[in-house]
Amino acid sequence: MINQALNLLDAIQMAMETEQKAATFYADAAQEAANPLGRELFDQLAEFERYHYSKLAGLEKSLRDEGAFIEYEGRELTLSVPSEVDNKEANKMSVMGIITLAINAERDAEKRYTALAEQTSDPDGQAMFKRLAEEEHTHYRILSDEYYNLNNHGVWVWSE
């Protein structure tokens, strides 16, 4: 049990580092994006990853101090921008590269949280990791949709 707990804490620490890197990546992408919709999307994803980091830090503290999982209520990603805006061709390529990297990162995060849910016997822990995996899948889906729309239609179209 002690080895399993140490492995779980190590996995949580790695997940926290990954969430921190993702937040920095999205914040940097927001600074680089010339398109206001791209900037807004990346800003919102950066904030969401910072939220994941804070929840994982709370989980790590609870596991160390009390040996217990915390309840994770989850969070919805709300996109509060117009549904369609033309994208400039010059901006399209740089945004496409950023989105491609982000898609891969979100897919990896989803897989990581799914694996943690399967390895965790505590129901609260399973629920938290499953919810984190679902949220990362939502990010993946949004980014994949944007990639498709930008690549095929040259527009940002956010559908949630």
N, C-alpha and C. Protein backbone atom coordinates (compact mmCIF):
# COMPACT_ATOMS: atom_id res chain seq x y z
N MET A 1 0.82 -1.20 0.00
CA MET A 1 0.00 0.00 0.00
C MET A 1 0.86 1.26 0.00
N ILE A 2 1.96 1.24 0.76
CA ILE A 2 2.84 2.40 0.82
C ILE A 2 3.45 2.66 -0.55
N ASN A 3 3.92 1.61 -1.23
CA ASN A 3 4.49 1.78 -2.57
C ASN A 3 3.45 2.33 -3.54
N GLN A 4 2.21 1.83 -3.43
CA GLN A 4 1.15 2.32 -4.31
C GLN A 4 0.90 3.80 -4.04
N ALA A 5 0.90 4.20 -2.75
CA ALA A 5 0.67 5.60 -2.40
C ALA A 5 1.81 6.46 -2.92
N LEU A 6 3.04 6.00 -2.78
CA LEU A 6 4.18 6.77 -3.29
C LEU A 6 4.11 6.89 -4.80
N ASN A 7 3.75 5.82 -5.48
CA ASN A 7 3.61 5.89 -6.92
C ASN A 7 2.50 6.85 -7.32
N LEU A 8 1.41 6.85 -6.59
CA LEU A 8 0.32 7.77 -6.86
C LEU A 8 0.76 9.21 -6.65
N LEU A 9 1.47 9.47 -5.56
CA LEU A 9 1.97 10.82 -5.31
C LEU A 9 2.95 11.26 -6.39
N ASP A 10 3.79 10.33 -6.83
CA ASP A 10 4.71 10.65 -7.93
C ASP A 10 3.92 10.98 -9.20
N ALA A 11 2.89 10.20 -9.48
CA ALA A 11 2.08 10.43 -10.67
C ALA A 11 1.35 11.77 -10.58
N ILE A 12 0.87 12.11 -9.39
CA ILE A 12 0.20 13.40 -9.20
C ILE A 12 1.18 14.54 -9.40
N GLN A 13 2.40 14.38 -8.87
CA GLN A 13 3.42 15.41 -9.05
C GLN A 13 3.74 15.60 -10.53
N MET A 14 3.86 14.51 -11.26
CA MET A 14 4.12 14.61 -12.71
C MET A 14 2.94 15.26 -13.42
N ALA A 15 1.72 14.92 -13.01
CA ALA A 15 0.53 15.53 -13.61
C ALA A 15 0.51 17.04 -13.33
N MET A 16 0.90 17.42 -12.11
CA MET A 16 0.96 18.85 -11.78
C MET A 16 1.97 19.58 -12.66
N GLU A 17 3.13 18.97 -12.86
CA GLU A 17 4.14 19.57 -13.72
C GLU A 17 3.62 19.71 -15.15
N THR A 18 2.91 18.69 -15.62
CA THR A 18 2.37 18.73 -16.97
C THR A 18 1.30 19.81 -17.09
N GLU A 19 0.45 19.93 -16.08
CA GLU A 19 -0.59 20.98 -16.10
C GLU A 19 0.05 22.36 -16.08
N GLN A 20 1.11 22.52 -15.32
CA GLN A 20 1.81 23.80 -15.26
C GLN A 20 2.44 24.14 -16.62
N LYS A 21 3.05 23.14 -17.26
CA LYS A 21 3.62 23.35 -18.59
C LYS A 21 2.53 23.68 -19.60
N ALA A 22 1.38 22.99 -19.50
CA ALA A 22 0.28 23.26 -20.41
C ALA A 22 -0.24 24.68 -20.24
N ALA A 23 -0.36 25.13 -18.99
CA ALA A 23 -0.82 26.50 -18.74
C ALA A 23 0.14 27.51 -19.35
N THR A 24 1.43 27.27 -19.19
CA THR A 24 2.43 28.16 -19.77
C THR A 24 2.37 28.13 -21.29
N PHE A 25 2.22 26.92 -21.85
CA PHE A 25 2.12 26.78 -23.30
C PHE A 25 0.94 27.58 -23.84
N TYR A 26 -0.24 27.42 -23.22
CA TYR A 26 -1.42 28.13 -23.70
C TYR A 26 -1.31 29.64 -23.49
N ALA A 27 -0.70 30.05 -22.38
CA ALA A 27 -0.51 31.49 -22.15
C ALA A 27 0.42 32.08 -23.21
N ASP A 28 1.50 31.35 -23.54
CA ASP A 28 2.41 31.80 -24.59
C ASP A 28 1.70 31.82 -25.94
N ALA A 29 0.89 30.79 -26.21
CA ALA A 29 0.15 30.73 -27.48
C ALA A 29 -0.80 31.91 -27.59
N ALA A 30 -1.42 32.30 -26.48
CA ALA A 30 -2.32 33.45 -26.50
C ALA A 30 -1.57 34.72 -26.86
N GLN A 31 -0.35 34.85 -26.37
CA GLN A 31 0.47 36.02 -26.70
C GLN A 31 0.87 36.04 -28.17
N GLU A 32 1.06 34.85 -28.76
CA GLU A 32 1.49 34.74 -30.14
C GLU A 32 0.35 34.87 -31.15
N ALA A 33 -0.85 34.54 -30.72
CA ALA A 33 -1.99 34.52 -31.66
C ALA A 33 -2.40 35.93 -32.04
N ALA A 34 -2.42 36.18 -33.33
CA ALA A 34 -2.87 37.48 -33.82
C ALA A 34 -4.39 37.56 -33.85
N ASN A 35 -5.04 36.42 -34.04
CA ASN A 35 -6.49 36.37 -34.13
C ASN A 35 -7.08 36.47 -32.72
N PRO A 36 -8.02 37.37 -32.49
CA PRO A 36 -8.59 37.54 -31.15
C PRO A 36 -9.32 36.29 -30.64
N LEU A 37 -9.92 35.52 -31.53
CA LEU A 37 -10.58 34.30 -31.09
C LEU A 37 -9.57 33.26 -30.64
N GLY A 38 -8.48 33.14 -31.37
CA GLY A 38 -7.42 32.23 -30.96
C GLY A 38 -6.84 32.64 -29.62
N ARG A 39 -6.61 33.93 -29.46
CA ARG A 39 -6.09 34.46 -28.19
C ARG A 39 -7.03 34.13 -27.04
N GLU A 40 -8.32 34.33 -27.25
CA GLU A 40 -9.32 34.05 -26.21
C GLU A 40 -9.36 32.56 -25.87
N LEU A 41 -9.36 31.70 -26.88
CA LEU A 41 -9.37 30.26 -26.64
C LEU A 41 -8.16 29.83 -25.84
N PHE A 42 -6.98 30.29 -26.24
CA PHE A 42 -5.75 29.89 -25.55
C PHE A 42 -5.71 30.45 -24.13
N ASP A 43 -6.20 31.68 -23.93
CA ASP A 43 -6.28 32.24 -22.57
C ASP A 43 -7.18 31.38 -21.68
N GLN A 44 -8.33 30.97 -22.21
CA GLN A 44 -9.26 30.16 -21.43
C GLN A 44 -8.67 28.79 -21.13
N LEU A 45 -7.96 28.19 -22.09
CA LEU A 45 -7.33 26.90 -21.83
C LEU A 45 -6.20 27.04 -20.80
N ALA A 46 -5.45 28.13 -20.85
CA ALA A 46 -4.40 28.36 -19.84
C ALA A 46 -5.01 28.43 -18.45
N GLU A 47 -6.12 29.17 -18.32
CA GLU A 47 -6.79 29.28 -17.02
C GLU A 47 -7.31 27.92 -16.57
N PHE A 48 -7.84 27.13 -17.48
CA PHE A 48 -8.36 25.81 -17.13
C PHE A 48 -7.24 24.91 -16.63
N GLU A 49 -6.08 24.95 -17.27
CA GLU A 49 -4.95 24.12 -16.84
C GLU A 49 -4.43 24.58 -15.49
N ARG A 50 -4.45 25.88 -15.22
CA ARG A 50 -4.07 26.37 -13.88
C ARG A 50 -5.06 25.86 -12.82
N TYR A 51 -6.32 25.77 -13.19
CA TYR A 51 -7.34 25.22 -12.29
C TYR A 51 -7.04 23.74 -12.00
N HIS A 52 -6.72 22.97 -13.03
CA HIS A 52 -6.35 21.57 -12.82
C HIS A 52 -5.15 21.46 -11.88
N TYR A 53 -4.16 22.31 -12.10
CA TYR A 53 -2.97 22.30 -11.25
C TYR A 53 -3.34 22.53 -9.78
N SER A 54 -4.19 23.52 -9.54
CA SER A 54 -4.55 23.84 -8.15
C SER A 54 -5.31 22.69 -7.50
N LYS A 55 -6.17 22.02 -8.26
CA LYS A 55 -6.91 20.89 -7.71
C LYS A 55 -5.98 19.70 -7.43
N LEU A 56 -5.04 19.47 -8.32
CA LEU A 56 -4.07 18.40 -8.09
C LEU A 56 -3.19 18.71 -6.88
N ALA A 57 -2.83 19.97 -6.70
CA ALA A 57 -2.04 20.36 -5.52
C ALA A 57 -2.85 20.11 -4.25
N GLY A 58 -4.14 20.40 -4.29
CA GLY A 58 -5.01 20.12 -3.14
C GLY A 58 -5.10 18.63 -2.87
N LEU A 59 -5.18 17.84 -3.92
CA LEU A 59 -5.22 16.39 -3.77
C LEU A 59 -3.92 15.88 -3.17
N GLU A 60 -2.80 16.36 -3.67
CA GLU A 60 -1.51 15.92 -3.15
C GLU A 60 -1.39 16.24 -1.65
N LYS A 61 -1.79 17.45 -1.27
CA LYS A 61 -1.74 17.84 0.14
C LYS A 61 -2.64 16.95 0.99
N SER A 62 -3.83 16.69 0.52
CA SER A 62 -4.76 15.85 1.27
C SER A 62 -4.23 14.43 1.43
N LEU A 63 -3.66 13.89 0.36
CA LEU A 63 -3.11 12.54 0.44
C LEU A 63 -1.92 12.47 1.41
N ARG A 64 -1.09 13.50 1.38
CA ARG A 64 0.07 13.52 2.29
C ARG A 64 -0.36 13.73 3.75
N ASP A 65 -1.29 14.67 3.97
CA ASP A 65 -1.67 15.03 5.33
C ASP A 65 -2.67 14.06 5.95
N GLU A 66 -3.64 13.62 5.16
CA GLU A 66 -4.74 12.83 5.70
C GLU A 66 -4.88 11.44 5.07
N GLY A 67 -4.15 11.21 3.99
CA GLY A 67 -4.26 9.92 3.29
C GLY A 67 -5.59 9.75 2.59
N ALA A 68 -6.24 10.87 2.24
CA ALA A 68 -7.58 10.80 1.65
C ALA A 68 -7.66 11.60 0.36
N PHE A 69 -8.51 11.11 -0.54
CA PHE A 69 -8.79 11.84 -1.76
C PHE A 69 -9.74 12.99 -1.46
N ILE A 70 -9.73 13.98 -2.32
CA ILE A 70 -10.66 15.10 -2.19
C ILE A 70 -11.76 14.93 -3.23
N GLU A 71 -12.87 15.59 -2.99
CA GLU A 71 -13.94 15.58 -3.99
C GLU A 71 -13.57 16.57 -5.08
N TYR A 72 -13.79 16.18 -6.32
CA TYR A 72 -13.51 17.06 -7.45
C TYR A 72 -14.81 17.28 -8.20
N GLU A 73 -15.28 18.50 -8.14
CA GLU A 73 -16.57 18.81 -8.75
C GLU A 73 -16.48 19.06 -10.24
N GLY A 74 -15.28 19.24 -10.75
CA GLY A 74 -15.13 19.47 -12.18
C GLY A 74 -15.43 20.91 -12.55
N ARG A 75 -15.23 21.19 -13.80
CA ARG A 75 -15.42 22.56 -14.28
C ARG A 75 -15.72 22.50 -15.77
N GLU A 76 -16.61 23.35 -16.21
CA GLU A 76 -16.96 23.43 -17.62
C GLU A 76 -16.12 24.51 -18.29
N LEU A 77 -15.74 24.26 -19.52
CA LEU A 77 -15.05 25.26 -20.32
C LEU A 77 -16.12 26.03 -21.08
N THR A 78 -16.24 27.31 -20.78
CA THR A 78 -17.24 28.12 -21.45
C THR A 78 -16.54 29.07 -22.41
N LEU A 79 -17.00 29.09 -23.61
CA LEU A 79 -16.42 29.93 -24.63
C LEU A 79 -17.38 31.06 -24.92
N SER A 80 -16.99 32.25 -24.53
CA SER A 80 -17.91 33.38 -24.60
C SER A 80 -17.52 34.36 -25.70
N VAL A 81 -17.37 33.82 -26.90
CA VAL A 81 -17.01 34.67 -28.02
C VAL A 81 -17.97 34.42 -29.17
N PRO A 82 -17.96 35.27 -30.19
CA PRO A 82 -18.83 35.05 -31.33
C PRO A 82 -18.60 33.67 -31.94
N SER A 83 -19.63 33.13 -32.58
CA SER A 83 -19.55 31.77 -33.08
C SER A 83 -18.73 31.64 -34.37
N GLU A 84 -18.56 32.71 -35.12
CA GLU A 84 -17.82 32.58 -36.38
C GLU A 84 -17.17 33.90 -36.75
N VAL A 85 -15.88 33.84 -37.06
CA VAL A 85 -15.13 35.02 -37.49
C VAL A 85 -14.13 34.57 -38.54
N ASP A 86 -14.00 35.33 -39.62
CA ASP A 86 -13.02 34.97 -40.64
C ASP A 86 -11.61 35.02 -40.06
N ASN A 87 -10.79 34.11 -40.52
CA ASN A 87 -9.40 34.03 -40.09
C ASN A 87 -8.50 34.48 -41.22
N LYS A 88 -7.49 35.28 -40.93
CA LYS A 88 -6.54 35.72 -41.94
C LYS A 88 -5.60 34.58 -42.30
N GLU A 89 -5.32 34.43 -43.55
CA GLU A 89 -4.45 33.34 -44.04
C GLU A 89 -3.08 33.40 -43.40
N ALA A 90 -2.53 34.57 -43.17
CA ALA A 90 -1.19 34.69 -42.59
C ALA A 90 -1.15 34.13 -41.17
N ASN A 91 -2.24 34.29 -40.44
CA ASN A 91 -2.30 33.81 -39.06
C ASN A 91 -2.61 32.32 -39.01
N LYS A 92 -3.23 31.79 -40.04
CA LYS A 92 -3.70 30.41 -40.06
C LYS A 92 -2.59 29.41 -39.77
N MET A 93 -1.44 29.55 -40.39
CA MET A 93 -0.38 28.57 -40.24
C MET A 93 0.17 28.53 -38.82
N SER A 94 0.45 29.66 -38.23
CA SER A 94 1.00 29.66 -36.88
C SER A 94 -0.03 29.10 -35.89
N VAL A 95 -1.26 29.44 -36.04
CA VAL A 95 -2.31 28.92 -35.16
C VAL A 95 -2.48 27.42 -35.37
N MET A 96 -2.38 26.97 -36.61
CA MET A 96 -2.53 25.53 -36.90
C MET A 96 -1.43 24.74 -36.20
N GLY A 97 -0.22 25.24 -36.21
CA GLY A 97 0.88 24.57 -35.52
C GLY A 97 0.66 24.49 -34.03
N ILE A 98 0.19 25.58 -33.46
CA ILE A 98 -0.09 25.62 -32.03
C ILE A 98 -1.22 24.64 -31.69
N ILE A 99 -2.27 24.66 -32.48
CA ILE A 99 -3.40 23.76 -32.22
C ILE A 99 -2.97 22.30 -32.32
N THR A 100 -2.12 21.98 -33.29
CA THR A 100 -1.64 20.60 -33.44
C THR A 100 -0.90 20.14 -32.18
N LEU A 101 -0.02 20.97 -31.68
CA LEU A 101 0.70 20.64 -30.44
C LEU A 101 -0.28 20.48 -29.28
N ALA A 102 -1.24 21.37 -29.20
CA ALA A 102 -2.21 21.33 -28.11
C ALA A 102 -3.09 20.08 -28.18
N ILE A 103 -3.48 19.69 -29.37
CA ILE A 103 -4.29 18.48 -29.54
C ILE A 103 -3.55 17.27 -28.99
N ASN A 104 -2.28 17.15 -29.34
CA ASN A 104 -1.47 16.03 -28.85
C ASN A 104 -1.32 16.06 -27.34
N ALA A 105 -1.12 17.24 -26.78
CA ALA A 105 -0.97 17.36 -25.32
C ALA A 105 -2.25 16.99 -24.60
N GLU A 106 -3.39 17.41 -25.12
CA GLU A 106 -4.67 17.10 -24.49
C GLU A 106 -4.97 15.60 -24.57
N ARG A 107 -4.64 14.99 -25.68
CA ARG A 107 -4.84 13.54 -25.82
C ARG A 107 -3.97 12.78 -24.81
N ASP A 108 -2.72 13.21 -24.67
CA ASP A 108 -1.82 12.57 -23.70
C ASP A 108 -2.33 12.75 -22.27
N ALA A 109 -2.84 13.93 -21.96
CA ALA A 109 -3.36 14.19 -20.61
C ALA A 109 -4.58 13.31 -20.34
N GLU A 110 -5.44 13.18 -21.32
CA GLU A 110 -6.61 12.31 -21.16
C GLU A 110 -6.19 10.87 -20.86
N LYS A 111 -5.22 10.37 -21.61
CA LYS A 111 -4.73 9.01 -21.39
C LYS A 111 -4.11 8.86 -20.00
N ARG A 112 -3.36 9.86 -19.58
CA ARG A 112 -2.71 9.82 -18.26
C ARG A 112 -3.75 9.75 -17.14
N TYR A 113 -4.78 10.58 -17.22
CA TYR A 113 -5.80 10.57 -16.17
C TYR A 113 -6.65 9.31 -16.21
N THR A 114 -6.90 8.78 -17.39
CA THR A 114 -7.63 7.52 -17.51
C THR A 114 -6.84 6.39 -16.85
N ALA A 115 -5.53 6.35 -17.07
CA ALA A 115 -4.68 5.34 -16.45
C ALA A 115 -4.68 5.49 -14.93
N LEU A 116 -4.61 6.72 -14.44
CA LEU A 116 -4.64 6.93 -12.99
C LEU A 116 -5.98 6.47 -12.40
N ALA A 117 -7.07 6.71 -13.11
CA ALA A 117 -8.38 6.26 -12.62
C ALA A 117 -8.42 4.74 -12.52
N GLU A 118 -7.84 4.07 -13.50
CA GLU A 118 -7.83 2.61 -13.49
C GLU A 118 -6.93 2.04 -12.41
N GLN A 119 -5.90 2.77 -12.02
CA GLN A 119 -4.95 2.30 -11.02
C GLN A 119 -5.36 2.65 -9.59
N THR A 120 -6.38 3.47 -9.45
CA THR A 120 -6.79 3.96 -8.14
C THR A 120 -7.99 3.17 -7.65
N SER A 121 -7.90 2.66 -6.43
CA SER A 121 -9.02 1.88 -5.89
C SER A 121 -10.02 2.74 -5.13
N ASP A 122 -9.61 3.92 -4.70
CA ASP A 122 -10.50 4.80 -3.95
C ASP A 122 -11.57 5.39 -4.88
N PRO A 123 -12.86 5.28 -4.54
CA PRO A 123 -13.92 5.79 -5.42
C PRO A 123 -13.82 7.29 -5.70
N ASP A 124 -13.45 8.09 -4.67
CA ASP A 124 -13.29 9.53 -4.91
C ASP A 124 -12.14 9.80 -5.86
N GLY A 125 -11.06 9.04 -5.70
CA GLY A 125 -9.91 9.19 -6.59
C GLY A 125 -10.25 8.81 -8.01
N GLN A 126 -10.98 7.70 -8.16
CA GLN A 126 -11.40 7.28 -9.49
C GLN A 126 -12.28 8.34 -10.14
N ALA A 127 -13.22 8.87 -9.36
CA ALA A 127 -14.14 9.88 -9.89
C ALA A 127 -13.37 11.13 -10.32
N MET A 128 -12.41 11.55 -9.50
CA MET A 128 -11.64 12.75 -9.83
C MET A 128 -10.84 12.55 -11.12
N PHE A 129 -10.13 11.43 -11.21
CA PHE A 129 -9.30 11.21 -12.39
C PHE A 129 -10.15 11.00 -13.64
N LYS A 130 -11.31 10.36 -13.49
CA LYS A 130 -12.20 10.20 -14.65
C LYS A 130 -12.71 11.56 -15.11
N ARG A 131 -13.05 12.42 -14.17
CA ARG A 131 -13.55 13.75 -14.53
C ARG A 131 -12.45 14.58 -15.20
N LEU A 132 -11.22 14.48 -14.67
CA LEU A 132 -10.11 15.18 -15.31
C LEU A 132 -9.89 14.67 -16.73
N ALA A 133 -10.00 13.35 -16.92
CA ALA A 133 -9.86 12.77 -18.26
C ALA A 133 -10.95 13.30 -19.18
N GLU A 134 -12.18 13.39 -18.69
CA GLU A 134 -13.29 13.91 -19.49
C GLU A 134 -13.04 15.37 -19.89
N GLU A 135 -12.53 16.16 -18.95
CA GLU A 135 -12.28 17.56 -19.25
C GLU A 135 -11.17 17.70 -20.29
N GLU A 136 -10.13 16.89 -20.17
CA GLU A 136 -9.07 16.93 -21.18
C GLU A 136 -9.60 16.47 -22.54
N HIS A 137 -10.52 15.50 -22.54
CA HIS A 137 -11.13 15.06 -23.80
C HIS A 137 -11.95 16.20 -24.41
N THR A 138 -12.64 16.96 -23.59
CA THR A 138 -13.39 18.10 -24.10
C THR A 138 -12.45 19.10 -24.75
N HIS A 139 -11.32 19.38 -24.11
CA HIS A 139 -10.33 20.29 -24.70
C HIS A 139 -9.83 19.74 -26.03
N TYR A 140 -9.55 18.44 -26.06
CA TYR A 140 -9.11 17.78 -27.28
C TYR A 140 -10.15 17.95 -28.40
N ARG A 141 -11.41 17.71 -28.05
CA ARG A 141 -12.48 17.82 -29.05
C ARG A 141 -12.62 19.24 -29.58
N ILE A 142 -12.57 20.22 -28.68
CA ILE A 142 -12.69 21.62 -29.11
C ILE A 142 -11.54 21.99 -30.04
N LEU A 143 -10.34 21.60 -29.65
CA LEU A 143 -9.17 21.92 -30.48
C LEU A 143 -9.22 21.19 -31.82
N SER A 144 -9.67 19.94 -31.81
CA SER A 144 -9.79 19.18 -33.06
C SER A 144 -10.82 19.82 -33.99
N ASP A 145 -11.94 20.27 -33.42
CA ASP A 145 -12.96 20.96 -34.21
C ASP A 145 -12.40 22.24 -34.81
N GLU A 146 -11.64 23.00 -34.01
CA GLU A 146 -11.07 24.24 -34.51
C GLU A 146 -10.05 23.97 -35.61
N TYR A 147 -9.26 22.92 -35.42
CA TYR A 147 -8.29 22.55 -36.45
C TYR A 147 -9.01 22.26 -37.77
N TYR A 148 -10.05 21.45 -37.69
CA TYR A 148 -10.82 21.10 -38.89
C TYR A 148 -11.40 22.36 -39.54
N ASN A 149 -12.04 23.20 -38.73
CA ASN A 149 -12.69 24.39 -39.29
C ASN A 149 -11.69 25.36 -39.89
N LEU A 150 -10.56 25.56 -39.22
CA LEU A 150 -9.55 26.46 -39.76
C LEU A 150 -8.93 25.88 -41.03
N ASN A 151 -8.65 24.60 -41.00
CA ASN A 151 -8.01 23.96 -42.15
C ASN A 151 -8.93 23.89 -43.37
N ASN A 152 -10.19 23.60 -43.15
CA ASN A 152 -11.11 23.39 -44.26
C ASN A 152 -11.95 24.60 -44.65
N HIS A 153 -12.17 25.49 -43.69
CA HIS A 153 -13.04 26.63 -43.96
C HIS A 153 -12.39 27.98 -43.70
N GLY A 154 -11.22 27.98 -43.03
CA GLY A 154 -10.53 29.23 -42.75
C GLY A 154 -11.23 30.10 -41.72
N VAL A 155 -12.07 29.49 -40.88
CA VAL A 155 -12.78 30.26 -39.86
C VAL A 155 -12.68 29.56 -38.50
N TRP A 156 -12.80 30.34 -37.46
CA TRP A 156 -12.97 29.80 -36.11
C TRP A 156 -14.45 29.56 -35.89
N VAL A 157 -14.82 28.38 -35.50
CA VAL A 157 -16.22 28.08 -35.20
C VAL A 157 -16.23 27.27 -33.92
N TRP A 158 -16.60 27.89 -32.83
CA TRP A 158 -16.61 27.19 -31.55
C TRP A 158 -18.00 26.66 -31.29
N SER A 159 -18.09 25.38 -31.08
CA SER A 159 -19.38 24.78 -30.75
C SER A 159 -19.22 23.97 -29.48
N GLU A 160 -19.96 24.27 -28.50
CA GLU A 160 -19.85 23.58 -27.20
C GLU A 160 -21.18 22.96 -26.86
